[in-house]
Amino acid sequence: METGVGQIGARAVPSPNAGKIVRVRWVKPYPEATNQVCVGEVVRETPEYLVVRGVLLSFRKGDRQAKRDEERVRWIPWEQIAVVDELPTGLKWREAEFFVDETGQVGFAKQ
């Protein structure tokens, strides 16, 4: 699809998944990297990227708390995404308290 913006899809039509609340975990190419998970709403999808407005949660193996970064739009390359979990529609992700469980999965306190 021709977008007129360097083929990255910035002007692409919103995806049918736009507005869904997701948790996205991706792989970093170096071992000393922190684990990173983004929780938020799908803005759009392109063949190269999943675009999510959300918060970034960073943590290292063994951490019980994740560092929470500010909300912003993130373009996450599909080739680096390990898993996308669809979360409940009513989840208030902007207000949620997040934690890291003993298996290294990011969870959230029930609302």
PDB file of N, CA and C in Angstrom:
ATOM      1  N   MET A   1       0.847  -1.168   0.000  1.00  0.00           N
ATOM      2  CA  MET A   1       0.000   0.000   0.000  1.00  0.00           C
ATOM      3  C   MET A   1       0.894   1.234   0.000  1.00  0.00           C
ATOM      4  N   GLU A   2       0.632   2.170  -0.856  1.00  0.00           N
ATOM      5  CA  GLU A   2       1.381   3.418  -0.913  1.00  0.00           C
ATOM      6  C   GLU A   2       0.850   4.359   0.165  1.00  0.00           C
ATOM      7  N   THR A   3       1.735   4.819   1.004  1.00  0.00           N
ATOM      8  CA  THR A   3       1.308   5.708   2.086  1.00  0.00           C
ATOM      9  C   THR A   3       1.841   7.107   1.915  1.00  0.00           C
ATOM     10  N   GLY A   4       2.874   7.249   1.084  1.00  0.00           N
ATOM     11  CA  GLY A   4       3.468   8.558   0.901  1.00  0.00           C
ATOM     12  C   GLY A   4       4.358   8.979   2.052  1.00  0.00           C
ATOM     13  N   VAL A   5       4.634   8.079   2.994  1.00  0.00           N
ATOM     14  CA  VAL A   5       5.464   8.413   4.147  1.00  0.00           C
ATOM     15  C   VAL A   5       6.516   7.327   4.328  1.00  0.00           C
ATOM     16  N   GLY A   6       7.341   7.138   3.320  1.00  0.00           N
ATOM     17  CA  GLY A   6       8.439   6.197   3.451  1.00  0.00           C
ATOM     18  C   GLY A   6       8.028   4.759   3.662  1.00  0.00           C
ATOM     19  N   GLN A   7       6.840   4.408   3.266  1.00  0.00           N
ATOM     20  CA  GLN A   7       6.351   3.031   3.346  1.00  0.00           C
ATOM     21  C   GLN A   7       6.225   2.488   4.771  1.00  0.00           C
ATOM     22  N   ILE A   8       6.172   3.324   5.785  1.00  0.00           N
ATOM     23  CA  ILE A   8       6.032   2.797   7.144  1.00  0.00           C
ATOM     24  C   ILE A   8       4.585   2.738   7.598  1.00  0.00           C
ATOM     25  N   GLY A   9       3.687   3.221   6.795  1.00  0.00           N
ATOM     26  CA  GLY A   9       2.280   3.076   7.126  1.00  0.00           C
ATOM     27  C   GLY A   9       1.711   4.136   8.044  1.00  0.00           C
ATOM     28  N   ALA A  10       2.351   5.277   8.148  1.00  0.00           N
ATOM     29  CA  ALA A  10       1.873   6.308   9.063  1.00  0.00           C
ATOM     30  C   ALA A  10       0.477   6.798   8.702  1.00  0.00           C
ATOM     31  N   ARG A  11       0.119   6.732   7.434  1.00  0.00           N
ATOM     32  CA  ARG A  11      -1.197   7.186   7.020  1.00  0.00           C
ATOM     33  C   ARG A  11      -2.104   6.015   6.649  1.00  0.00           C
ATOM     34  N   ALA A  12      -1.738   4.837   7.063  1.00  0.00           N
ATOM     35  CA  ALA A  12      -2.521   3.648   6.744  1.00  0.00           C
ATOM     36  C   ALA A  12      -3.882   3.709   7.426  1.00  0.00           C
ATOM     37  N   VAL A  13      -4.835   3.013   6.871  1.00  0.00           N
ATOM     38  CA  VAL A  13      -6.169   2.922   7.450  1.00  0.00           C
ATOM     39  C   VAL A  13      -6.059   2.171   8.779  1.00  0.00           C
ATOM     40  N   PRO A  14      -6.732   2.630   9.837  1.00  0.00           N
ATOM     41  CA  PRO A  14      -6.674   1.922  11.123  1.00  0.00           C
ATOM     42  C   PRO A  14      -7.083   0.457  10.963  1.00  0.00           C
ATOM     43  N   SER A  15      -6.470  -0.387  11.743  1.00  0.00           N
ATOM     44  CA  SER A  15      -6.732  -1.826  11.655  1.00  0.00           C
ATOM     45  C   SER A  15      -8.048  -2.181  12.327  1.00  0.00           C
ATOM     46  N   PRO A  16      -8.574  -3.388  12.014  1.00  0.00           N
ATOM     47  CA  PRO A  16      -9.789  -3.838  12.692  1.00  0.00           C
ATOM     48  C   PRO A  16      -9.554  -4.090  14.187  1.00  0.00           C
ATOM     49  N   ASN A  17      -8.278  -4.160  14.604  1.00  0.00           N
ATOM     50  CA  ASN A  17      -7.967  -4.355  16.026  1.00  0.00           C
ATOM     51  C   ASN A  17      -7.762  -3.045  16.772  1.00  0.00           C
ATOM     52  N   ALA A  18      -7.904  -1.922  16.084  1.00  0.00           N
ATOM     53  CA  ALA A  18      -7.718  -0.619  16.725  1.00  0.00           C
ATOM     54  C   ALA A  18      -8.650  -0.493  17.925  1.00  0.00           C
ATOM     55  N   GLY A  19      -8.084  -0.020  19.029  1.00  0.00           N
ATOM     56  CA  GLY A  19      -8.866   0.159  20.250  1.00  0.00           C
ATOM     57  C   GLY A  19      -8.813  -1.018  21.208  1.00  0.00           C
ATOM     58  N   LYS A  20      -8.369  -2.189  20.715  1.00  0.00           N
ATOM     59  CA  LYS A  20      -8.252  -3.340  21.626  1.00  0.00           C
ATOM     60  C   LYS A  20      -7.122  -3.076  22.609  1.00  0.00           C
ATOM     61  N   ILE A  21      -7.311  -3.544  23.834  1.00  0.00           N
ATOM     62  CA  ILE A  21      -6.301  -3.391  24.871  1.00  0.00           C
ATOM     63  C   ILE A  21      -5.421  -4.636  24.844  1.00  0.00           C
ATOM     64  N   VAL A  22      -4.102  -4.408  24.779  1.00  0.00           N
ATOM     65  CA  VAL A  22      -3.166  -5.519  24.635  1.00  0.00           C
ATOM     66  C   VAL A  22      -1.970  -5.373  25.563  1.00  0.00           C
ATOM     67  N   ARG A  23      -1.305  -6.501  25.754  1.00  0.00           N
ATOM     68  CA  ARG A  23      -0.006  -6.553  26.425  1.00  0.00           C
ATOM     69  C   ARG A  23       0.945  -7.156  25.390  1.00  0.00           C
ATOM     70  N   VAL A  24       2.002  -6.420  25.050  1.00  0.00           N
ATOM     71  CA  VAL A  24       2.941  -6.847  24.018  1.00  0.00           C
ATOM     72  C   VAL A  24       4.309  -7.046  24.652  1.00  0.00           C
ATOM     73  N   ARG A  25       4.877  -8.231  24.449  1.00  0.00           N
ATOM     74  CA  ARG A  25       6.241  -8.511  24.924  1.00  0.00           C
ATOM     75  C   ARG A  25       7.113  -8.698  23.696  1.00  0.00           C
ATOM     76  N   TRP A  26       8.281  -8.066  23.711  1.00  0.00           N
ATOM     77  CA  TRP A  26       9.166  -8.246  22.572  1.00  0.00           C
ATOM     78  C   TRP A  26      10.558  -8.644  23.001  1.00  0.00           C
ATOM     79  N   VAL A  27      11.319  -9.123  22.029  1.00  0.00           N
ATOM     80  CA  VAL A  27      12.645  -9.679  22.242  1.00  0.00           C
ATOM     81  C   VAL A  27      13.690  -8.611  21.945  1.00  0.00           C
ATOM     82  N   LYS A  28      14.685  -8.524  22.814  1.00  0.00           N
ATOM     83  CA  LYS A  28      15.808  -7.620  22.590  1.00  0.00           C
ATOM     84  C   LYS A  28      16.983  -8.462  22.096  1.00  0.00           C
ATOM     85  N   PRO A  29      17.790  -7.939  21.175  1.00  0.00           N
ATOM     86  CA  PRO A  29      18.841  -8.731  20.555  1.00  0.00           C
ATOM     87  C   PRO A  29      20.121  -8.895  21.375  1.00  0.00           C
ATOM     88  N   TYR A  30      20.143  -8.440  22.616  1.00  0.00           N
ATOM     89  CA  TYR A  30      21.352  -8.576  23.420  1.00  0.00           C
ATOM     90  C   TYR A  30      20.975  -9.033  24.828  1.00  0.00           C
ATOM     91  N   PRO A  31      21.776  -9.907  25.428  1.00  0.00           N
ATOM     92  CA  PRO A  31      21.410 -10.553  26.703  1.00  0.00           C
ATOM     93  C   PRO A  31      21.292  -9.627  27.900  1.00  0.00           C
ATOM     94  N   GLU A  32      22.011  -8.510  27.942  1.00  0.00           N
ATOM     95  CA  GLU A  32      21.952  -7.629  29.106  1.00  0.00           C
ATOM     96  C   GLU A  32      20.761  -6.669  29.079  1.00  0.00           C
ATOM     97  N   ALA A  33      19.948  -6.749  28.048  1.00  0.00           N
ATOM     98  CA  ALA A  33      18.779  -5.866  27.921  1.00  0.00           C
ATOM     99  C   ALA A  33      17.726  -6.198  28.974  1.00  0.00           C
ATOM    100  N   THR A  34      16.974  -5.175  29.362  1.00  0.00           N
ATOM    101  CA  THR A  34      15.845  -5.412  30.258  1.00  0.00           C
ATOM    102  C   THR A  34      14.711  -6.043  29.459  1.00  0.00           C
ATOM    103  N   ASN A  35      13.840  -6.756  30.157  1.00  0.00           N
ATOM    104  CA  ASN A  35      12.618  -7.242  29.531  1.00  0.00           C
ATOM    105  C   ASN A  35      11.708  -6.038  29.363  1.00  0.00           C
ATOM    106  N   GLN A  36      10.984  -5.991  28.249  1.00  0.00           N
ATOM    107  CA  GLN A  36      10.083  -4.869  28.024  1.00  0.00           C
ATOM    108  C   GLN A  36       8.728  -5.360  27.563  1.00  0.00           C
ATOM    109  N   VAL A  37       7.707  -4.762  28.183  1.00  0.00           N
ATOM    110  CA  VAL A  37       6.320  -5.070  27.872  1.00  0.00           C
ATOM    111  C   VAL A  37       5.595  -3.739  27.725  1.00  0.00           C
ATOM    112  N   CYS A  38       4.740  -3.660  26.726  1.00  0.00           N
ATOM    113  CA  CYS A  38       3.919  -2.467  26.536  1.00  0.00           C
ATOM    114  C   CYS A  38       2.464  -2.867  26.770  1.00  0.00           C
ATOM    115  N   VAL A  39       1.758  -2.093  27.580  1.00  0.00           N
ATOM    116  CA  VAL A  39       0.340  -2.320  27.826  1.00  0.00           C
ATOM    117  C   VAL A  39      -0.403  -1.075  27.375  1.00  0.00           C
ATOM    118  N   GLY A  40      -1.403  -1.279  26.515  1.00  0.00           N
ATOM    119  CA  GLY A  40      -2.164  -0.144  26.026  1.00  0.00           C
ATOM    120  C   GLY A  40      -3.125  -0.527  24.923  1.00  0.00           C
ATOM    121  N   GLU A  41      -3.478   0.453  24.090  1.00  0.00           N
ATOM    122  CA  GLU A  41      -4.481   0.263  23.036  1.00  0.00           C
ATOM    123  C   GLU A  41      -3.824   0.221  21.666  1.00  0.00           C
ATOM    124  N   VAL A  42      -4.271  -0.713  20.836  1.00  0.00           N
ATOM    125  CA  VAL A  42      -3.795  -0.787  19.457  1.00  0.00           C
ATOM    126  C   VAL A  42      -4.286   0.446  18.703  1.00  0.00           C
ATOM    127  N   VAL A  43      -3.363   1.115  18.024  1.00  0.00           N
ATOM    128  CA  VAL A  43      -3.704   2.253  17.171  1.00  0.00           C
ATOM    129  C   VAL A  43      -3.906   1.761  15.748  1.00  0.00           C
ATOM    130  N   ARG A  44      -2.917   1.004  15.262  1.00  0.00           N
ATOM    131  CA  ARG A  44      -3.007   0.422  13.914  1.00  0.00           C
ATOM    132  C   ARG A  44      -1.951  -0.657  13.770  1.00  0.00           C
ATOM    133  N   GLU A  45      -2.067  -1.393  12.684  1.00  0.00           N
ATOM    134  CA  GLU A  45      -1.090  -2.409  12.324  1.00  0.00           C
ATOM    135  C   GLU A  45      -0.657  -2.150  10.898  1.00  0.00           C
ATOM    136  N   THR A  46       0.622  -2.349  10.622  1.00  0.00           N
ATOM    137  CA  THR A  46       1.127  -2.321   9.260  1.00  0.00           C
ATOM    138  C   THR A  46       1.820  -3.663   9.049  1.00  0.00           C
ATOM    139  N   PRO A  47       2.248  -3.975   7.848  1.00  0.00           N
ATOM    140  CA  PRO A  47       2.994  -5.222   7.657  1.00  0.00           C
ATOM    141  C   PRO A  47       4.291  -5.267   8.472  1.00  0.00           C
ATOM    142  N   GLU A  48       4.845  -4.113   8.813  1.00  0.00           N
ATOM    143  CA  GLU A  48       6.112  -4.058   9.548  1.00  0.00           C
ATOM    144  C   GLU A  48       5.973  -3.797  11.047  1.00  0.00           C
ATOM    145  N   TYR A  49       4.902  -3.107  11.454  1.00  0.00           N
ATOM    146  CA  TYR A  49       4.795  -2.638  12.841  1.00  0.00           C
ATOM    147  C   TYR A  49       3.415  -2.866  13.431  1.00  0.00           C
ATOM    148  N   LEU A  50       3.403  -3.020  14.769  1.00  0.00           N
ATOM    149  CA  LEU A  50       2.189  -2.903  15.558  1.00  0.00           C
ATOM    150  C   LEU A  50       2.324  -1.562  16.283  1.00  0.00           C
ATOM    151  N   VAL A  51       1.355  -0.698  16.123  1.00  0.00           N
ATOM    152  CA  VAL A  51       1.406   0.629  16.720  1.00  0.00           C
ATOM    153  C   VAL A  51       0.473   0.636  17.926  1.00  0.00           C
ATOM    154  N   VAL A  52       1.046   0.934  19.100  1.00  0.00           N
ATOM    155  CA  VAL A  52       0.306   0.871  20.357  1.00  0.00           C
ATOM    156  C   VAL A  52       0.500   2.171  21.130  1.00  0.00           C
ATOM    157  N   ARG A  53      -0.597   2.744  21.633  1.00  0.00           N
ATOM    158  CA  ARG A  53      -0.510   3.853  22.589  1.00  0.00           C
ATOM    159  C   ARG A  53      -0.586   3.205  23.958  1.00  0.00           C
ATOM    160  N   GLY A  54       0.527   3.294  24.702  1.00  0.00           N
ATOM    161  CA  GLY A  54       0.529   2.626  25.987  1.00  0.00           C
ATOM    162  C   GLY A  54       1.697   3.011  26.861  1.00  0.00           C
ATOM    163  N   VAL A  55       1.824   2.270  27.950  1.00  0.00           N
ATOM    164  CA  VAL A  55       2.927   2.468  28.888  1.00  0.00           C
ATOM    165  C   VAL A  55       3.928   1.336  28.706  1.00  0.00           C
ATOM    166  N   LEU A  56       5.191   1.667  28.859  1.00  0.00           N
ATOM    167  CA  LEU A  56       6.262   0.695  28.751  1.00  0.00           C
ATOM    168  C   LEU A  56       6.657   0.254  30.148  1.00  0.00           C
ATOM    169  N   LEU A  57       6.731  -1.042  30.347  1.00  0.00           N
ATOM    170  CA  LEU A  57       7.143  -1.609  31.627  1.00  0.00           C
ATOM    171  C   LEU A  57       8.458  -2.345  31.399  1.00  0.00           C
ATOM    172  N   SER A  58       9.501  -1.976  32.149  1.00  0.00           N
ATOM    173  CA  SER A  58      10.822  -2.582  32.007  1.00  0.00           C
ATOM    174  C   SER A  58      11.207  -3.264  33.310  1.00  0.00           C
ATOM    175  N   PHE A  59      11.844  -4.443  33.180  1.00  0.00           N
ATOM    176  CA  PHE A  59      12.291  -5.167  34.369  1.00  0.00           C
ATOM    177  C   PHE A  59      13.362  -6.176  33.981  1.00  0.00           C
ATOM    178  N   ARG A  60      14.123  -6.601  34.965  1.00  0.00           N
ATOM    179  CA  ARG A  60      15.165  -7.609  34.765  1.00  0.00           C
ATOM    180  C   ARG A  60      14.732  -8.911  35.433  1.00  0.00           C
ATOM    181  N   LYS A  61      15.346  -9.992  35.022  1.00  0.00           N
ATOM    182  CA  LYS A  61      15.049 -11.296  35.609  1.00  0.00           C
ATOM    183  C   LYS A  61      15.206 -11.215  37.121  1.00  0.00           C
ATOM    184  N   GLY A  62      14.194 -11.694  37.833  1.00  0.00           N
ATOM    185  CA  GLY A  62      14.212 -11.672  39.289  1.00  0.00           C
ATOM    186  C   GLY A  62      13.542 -10.455  39.906  1.00  0.00           C
ATOM    187  N   ASP A  63      13.310  -9.407  39.117  1.00  0.00           N
ATOM    188  CA  ASP A  63      12.610  -8.231  39.637  1.00  0.00           C
ATOM    189  C   ASP A  63      11.166  -8.596  39.969  1.00  0.00           C
ATOM    190  N   ARG A  64      10.615  -7.963  40.983  1.00  0.00           N
ATOM    191  CA  ARG A  64       9.200  -8.157  41.325  1.00  0.00           C
ATOM    192  C   ARG A  64       8.385  -6.926  40.943  1.00  0.00           C
ATOM    193  N   GLN A  65       9.075  -5.843  40.655  1.00  0.00           N
ATOM    194  CA  GLN A  65       8.425  -4.588  40.286  1.00  0.00           C
ATOM    195  C   GLN A  65       8.945  -4.178  38.916  1.00  0.00           C
ATOM    196  N   ALA A  66       8.072  -3.654  38.079  1.00  0.00           N
ATOM    197  CA  ALA A  66       8.464  -3.164  36.766  1.00  0.00           C
ATOM    198  C   ALA A  66       8.546  -1.643  36.800  1.00  0.00           C
ATOM    199  N   LYS A  67       9.566  -1.093  36.158  1.00  0.00           N
ATOM    200  CA  LYS A  67       9.674   0.363  36.023  1.00  0.00           C
ATOM    201  C   LYS A  67       8.681   0.790  34.950  1.00  0.00           C
ATOM    202  N   ARG A  68       7.866   1.767  35.268  1.00  0.00           N
ATOM    203  CA  ARG A  68       6.814   2.229  34.358  1.00  0.00           C
ATOM    204  C   ARG A  68       7.236   3.540  33.706  1.00  0.00           C
ATOM    205  N   ASP A  69       7.256   3.542  32.366  1.00  0.00           N
ATOM    206  CA  ASP A  69       7.591   4.742  31.607  1.00  0.00           C
ATOM    207  C   ASP A  69       6.306   5.478  31.258  1.00  0.00           C
ATOM    208  N   GLU A  70       6.430   6.701  30.782  1.00  0.00           N
ATOM    209  CA  GLU A  70       5.255   7.507  30.459  1.00  0.00           C
ATOM    210  C   GLU A  70       4.491   6.946  29.260  1.00  0.00           C
ATOM    211  N   GLU A  71       3.235   7.317  29.185  1.00  0.00           N
ATOM    212  CA  GLU A  71       2.382   6.897  28.068  1.00  0.00           C
ATOM    213  C   GLU A  71       2.825   7.598  26.799  1.00  0.00           C
ATOM    214  N   ARG A  72       2.920   6.821  25.720  1.00  0.00           N
ATOM    215  CA  ARG A  72       3.214   7.388  24.401  1.00  0.00           C
ATOM    216  C   ARG A  72       2.897   6.363  23.331  1.00  0.00           C
ATOM    217  N   VAL A  73       2.957   6.782  22.085  1.00  0.00           N
ATOM    218  CA  VAL A  73       2.726   5.876  20.966  1.00  0.00           C
ATOM    219  C   VAL A  73       4.042   5.192  20.627  1.00  0.00           C
ATOM    220  N   ARG A  74       3.991   3.873  20.526  1.00  0.00           N
ATOM    221  CA  ARG A  74       5.183   3.084  20.210  1.00  0.00           C
ATOM    222  C   ARG A  74       4.940   2.260  18.947  1.00  0.00           C
ATOM    223  N   TRP A  75       5.926   2.243  18.055  1.00  0.00           N
ATOM    224  CA  TRP A  75       5.891   1.446  16.831  1.00  0.00           C
ATOM    225  C   TRP A  75       6.788   0.243  17.104  1.00  0.00           C
ATOM    226  N   ILE A  76       6.192  -0.923  17.310  1.00  0.00           N
ATOM    227  CA  ILE A  76       6.946  -2.116  17.681  1.00  0.00           C
ATOM    228  C   ILE A  76       7.049  -3.014  16.446  1.00  0.00           C
ATOM    229  N   PRO A  77       8.268  -3.322  15.994  1.00  0.00           N
ATOM    230  CA  PRO A  77       8.425  -4.170  14.808  1.00  0.00           C
ATOM    231  C   PRO A  77       7.888  -5.587  15.065  1.00  0.00           C
ATOM    232  N   TRP A  78       7.092  -6.095  14.142  1.00  0.00           N
ATOM    233  CA  TRP A  78       6.538  -7.450  14.279  1.00  0.00           C
ATOM    234  C   TRP A  78       7.642  -8.478  14.467  1.00  0.00           C
ATOM    235  N   GLU A  79       8.765  -8.300  13.791  1.00  0.00           N
ATOM    236  CA  GLU A  79       9.837  -9.297  13.862  1.00  0.00           C
ATOM    237  C   GLU A  79      10.439  -9.415  15.257  1.00  0.00           C
ATOM    238  N   GLN A  80      10.230  -8.431  16.113  1.00  0.00           N
ATOM    239  CA  GLN A  80      10.750  -8.491  17.479  1.00  0.00           C
ATOM    240  C   GLN A  80       9.690  -8.893  18.501  1.00  0.00           C
ATOM    241  N   ILE A  81       8.434  -8.954  18.100  1.00  0.00           N
ATOM    242  CA  ILE A  81       7.361  -9.279  19.040  1.00  0.00           C
ATOM    243  C   ILE A  81       7.347 -10.776  19.317  1.00  0.00           C
ATOM    244  N   ALA A  82       7.374 -11.123  20.614  1.00  0.00           N
ATOM    245  CA  ALA A  82       7.302 -12.515  21.032  1.00  0.00           C
ATOM    246  C   ALA A  82       5.849 -12.950  21.223  1.00  0.00           C
ATOM    247  N   VAL A  83       5.028 -12.066  21.812  1.00  0.00           N
ATOM    248  CA  VAL A  83       3.628 -12.419  22.075  1.00  0.00           C
ATOM    249  C   VAL A  83       2.794 -11.153  22.249  1.00  0.00           C
ATOM    250  N   VAL A  84       1.547 -11.240  21.800  1.00  0.00           N
ATOM    251  CA  VAL A  84       0.563 -10.189  22.028  1.00  0.00           C
ATOM    252  C   VAL A  84      -0.619 -10.840  22.733  1.00  0.00           C
ATOM    253  N   ASP A  85      -0.945 -10.365  23.924  1.00  0.00           N
ATOM    254  CA  ASP A  85      -2.099 -10.868  24.676  1.00  0.00           C
ATOM    255  C   ASP A  85      -3.193  -9.822  24.632  1.00  0.00           C
ATOM    256  N   GLU A  86      -4.401 -10.228  24.223  1.00  0.00           N
ATOM    257  CA  GLU A  86      -5.541  -9.316  24.287  1.00  0.00           C
ATOM    258  C   GLU A  86      -6.060  -9.329  25.712  1.00  0.00           C
ATOM    259  N   LEU A  87      -6.237  -8.157  26.285  1.00  0.00           N
ATOM    260  CA  LEU A  87      -6.682  -8.014  27.670  1.00  0.00           C
ATOM    261  C   LEU A  87      -8.161  -7.643  27.702  1.00  0.00           C
ATOM    262  N   PRO A  88      -8.790  -7.741  28.862  1.00  0.00           N
ATOM    263  CA  PRO A  88     -10.219  -7.424  28.960  1.00  0.00           C
ATOM    264  C   PRO A  88     -10.541  -6.007  28.483  1.00  0.00           C
ATOM    265  N   THR A  89     -11.651  -5.867  27.811  1.00  0.00           N
ATOM    266  CA  THR A  89     -12.082  -4.598  27.230  1.00  0.00           C
ATOM    267  C   THR A  89     -12.164  -3.480  28.262  1.00  0.00           C
ATOM    268  N   GLY A  90     -12.655  -3.762  29.436  1.00  0.00           N
ATOM    269  CA  GLY A  90     -12.849  -2.728  30.445  1.00  0.00           C
ATOM    270  C   GLY A  90     -11.627  -2.420  31.286  1.00  0.00           C
ATOM    271  N   LEU A  91     -10.482  -3.025  30.980  1.00  0.00           N
ATOM    272  CA  LEU A  91      -9.283  -2.802  31.790  1.00  0.00           C
ATOM    273  C   LEU A  91      -8.860  -1.337  31.709  1.00  0.00           C
ATOM    274  N   LYS A  92      -8.717  -0.707  32.848  1.00  0.00           N
ATOM    275  CA  LYS A  92      -8.277   0.688  32.903  1.00  0.00           C
ATOM    276  C   LYS A  92      -6.751   0.692  33.011  1.00  0.00           C
ATOM    277  N   TRP A  93      -6.099   0.410  31.884  1.00  0.00           N
ATOM    278  CA  TRP A  93      -4.650   0.217  31.869  1.00  0.00           C
ATOM    279  C   TRP A  93      -3.876   1.463  32.279  1.00  0.00           C
ATOM    280  N   ARG A  94      -4.434   2.638  32.078  1.00  0.00           N
ATOM    281  CA  ARG A  94      -3.735   3.869  32.472  1.00  0.00           C
ATOM    282  C   ARG A  94      -3.625   3.974  33.998  1.00  0.00           C
ATOM    283  N   GLU A  95      -4.560   3.371  34.706  1.00  0.00           N
ATOM    284  CA  GLU A  95      -4.613   3.463  36.162  1.00  0.00           C
ATOM    285  C   GLU A  95      -4.127   2.192  36.856  1.00  0.00           C
ATOM    286  N   ALA A  96      -3.916   1.126  36.096  1.00  0.00           N
ATOM    287  CA  ALA A  96      -3.603  -0.184  36.675  1.00  0.00           C
ATOM    288  C   ALA A  96      -2.252  -0.184  37.387  1.00  0.00           C
ATOM    289  N   GLU A  97      -2.182  -0.982  38.438  1.00  0.00           N
ATOM    290  CA  GLU A  97      -0.932  -1.246  39.140  1.00  0.00           C
ATOM    291  C   GLU A  97      -0.388  -2.559  38.579  1.00  0.00           C
ATOM    292  N   PHE A  98       0.858  -2.556  38.106  1.00  0.00           N
ATOM    293  CA  PHE A  98       1.460  -3.730  37.489  1.00  0.00           C
ATOM    294  C   PHE A  98       2.490  -4.350  38.414  1.00  0.00           C
ATOM    295  N   PHE A  99       2.710  -5.656  38.266  1.00  0.00           N
ATOM    296  CA  PHE A  99       3.724  -6.371  39.026  1.00  0.00           C
ATOM    297  C   PHE A  99       4.320  -7.453  38.129  1.00  0.00           C
ATOM    298  N   VAL A 100       5.432  -8.010  38.557  1.00  0.00           N
ATOM    299  CA  VAL A 100       6.073  -9.108  37.844  1.00  0.00           C
ATOM    300  C   VAL A 100       5.944 -10.334  38.736  1.00  0.00           C
ATOM    301  N   ASP A 101       5.361 -11.420  38.202  1.00  0.00           N
ATOM    302  CA  ASP A 101       5.193 -12.620  39.025  1.00  0.00           C
ATOM    303  C   ASP A 101       6.457 -13.473  39.011  1.00  0.00           C
ATOM    304  N   GLU A 102       6.431 -14.587  39.727  1.00  0.00           N
ATOM    305  CA  GLU A 102       7.625 -15.435  39.877  1.00  0.00           C
ATOM    306  C   GLU A 102       8.086 -16.069  38.565  1.00  0.00           C
ATOM    307  N   THR A 103       7.235 -16.104  37.547  1.00  0.00           N
ATOM    308  CA  THR A 103       7.623 -16.669  36.244  1.00  0.00           C
ATOM    309  C   THR A 103       8.121 -15.596  35.282  1.00  0.00           C
ATOM    310  N   GLY A 104       8.126 -14.328  35.711  1.00  0.00           N
ATOM    311  CA  GLY A 104       8.584 -13.247  34.851  1.00  0.00           C
ATOM    312  C   GLY A 104       7.502 -12.658  33.972  1.00  0.00           C
ATOM    313  N   GLN A 105       6.238 -12.960  34.274  1.00  0.00           N
ATOM    314  CA  GLN A 105       5.131 -12.402  33.520  1.00  0.00           C
ATOM    315  C   GLN A 105       4.609 -11.141  34.206  1.00  0.00           C
ATOM    316  N   VAL A 106       4.259 -10.143  33.405  1.00  0.00           N
ATOM    317  CA  VAL A 106       3.698  -8.908  33.940  1.00  0.00           C
ATOM    318  C   VAL A 106       2.198  -9.116  34.145  1.00  0.00           C
ATOM    319  N   GLY A 107       1.748  -8.839  35.351  1.00  0.00           N
ATOM    320  CA  GLY A 107       0.333  -8.927  35.675  1.00  0.00           C
ATOM    321  C   GLY A 107      -0.163  -7.587  36.183  1.00  0.00           C
ATOM    322  N   PHE A 108      -1.439  -7.516  36.478  1.00  0.00           N
ATOM    323  CA  PHE A 108      -2.005  -6.275  36.987  1.00  0.00           C
ATOM    324  C   PHE A 108      -2.973  -6.600  38.112  1.00  0.00           C
ATOM    325  N   ALA A 109      -3.060  -5.670  39.057  1.00  0.00           N
ATOM    326  CA  ALA A 109      -3.963  -5.841  40.181  1.00  0.00           C
ATOM    327  C   ALA A 109      -5.406  -5.763  39.666  1.00  0.00           C
ATOM    328  N   LYS A 110      -6.256  -6.584  40.175  1.00  0.00           N
ATOM    329  CA  LYS A 110      -7.674  -6.579  39.774  1.00  0.00           C
ATOM    330  C   LYS A 110      -8.285  -5.237  40.103  1.00  0.00           C
ATOM    331  N   GLN A 111      -9.153  -4.768  39.199  1.00  0.00           N
ATOM    332  CA  GLN A 111      -9.790  -3.467  39.396  1.00  0.00           C
ATOM    333  C   GLN A 111     -11.217  -3.629  39.802  1.00  0.00           C
TER     334      GLN A 111
END
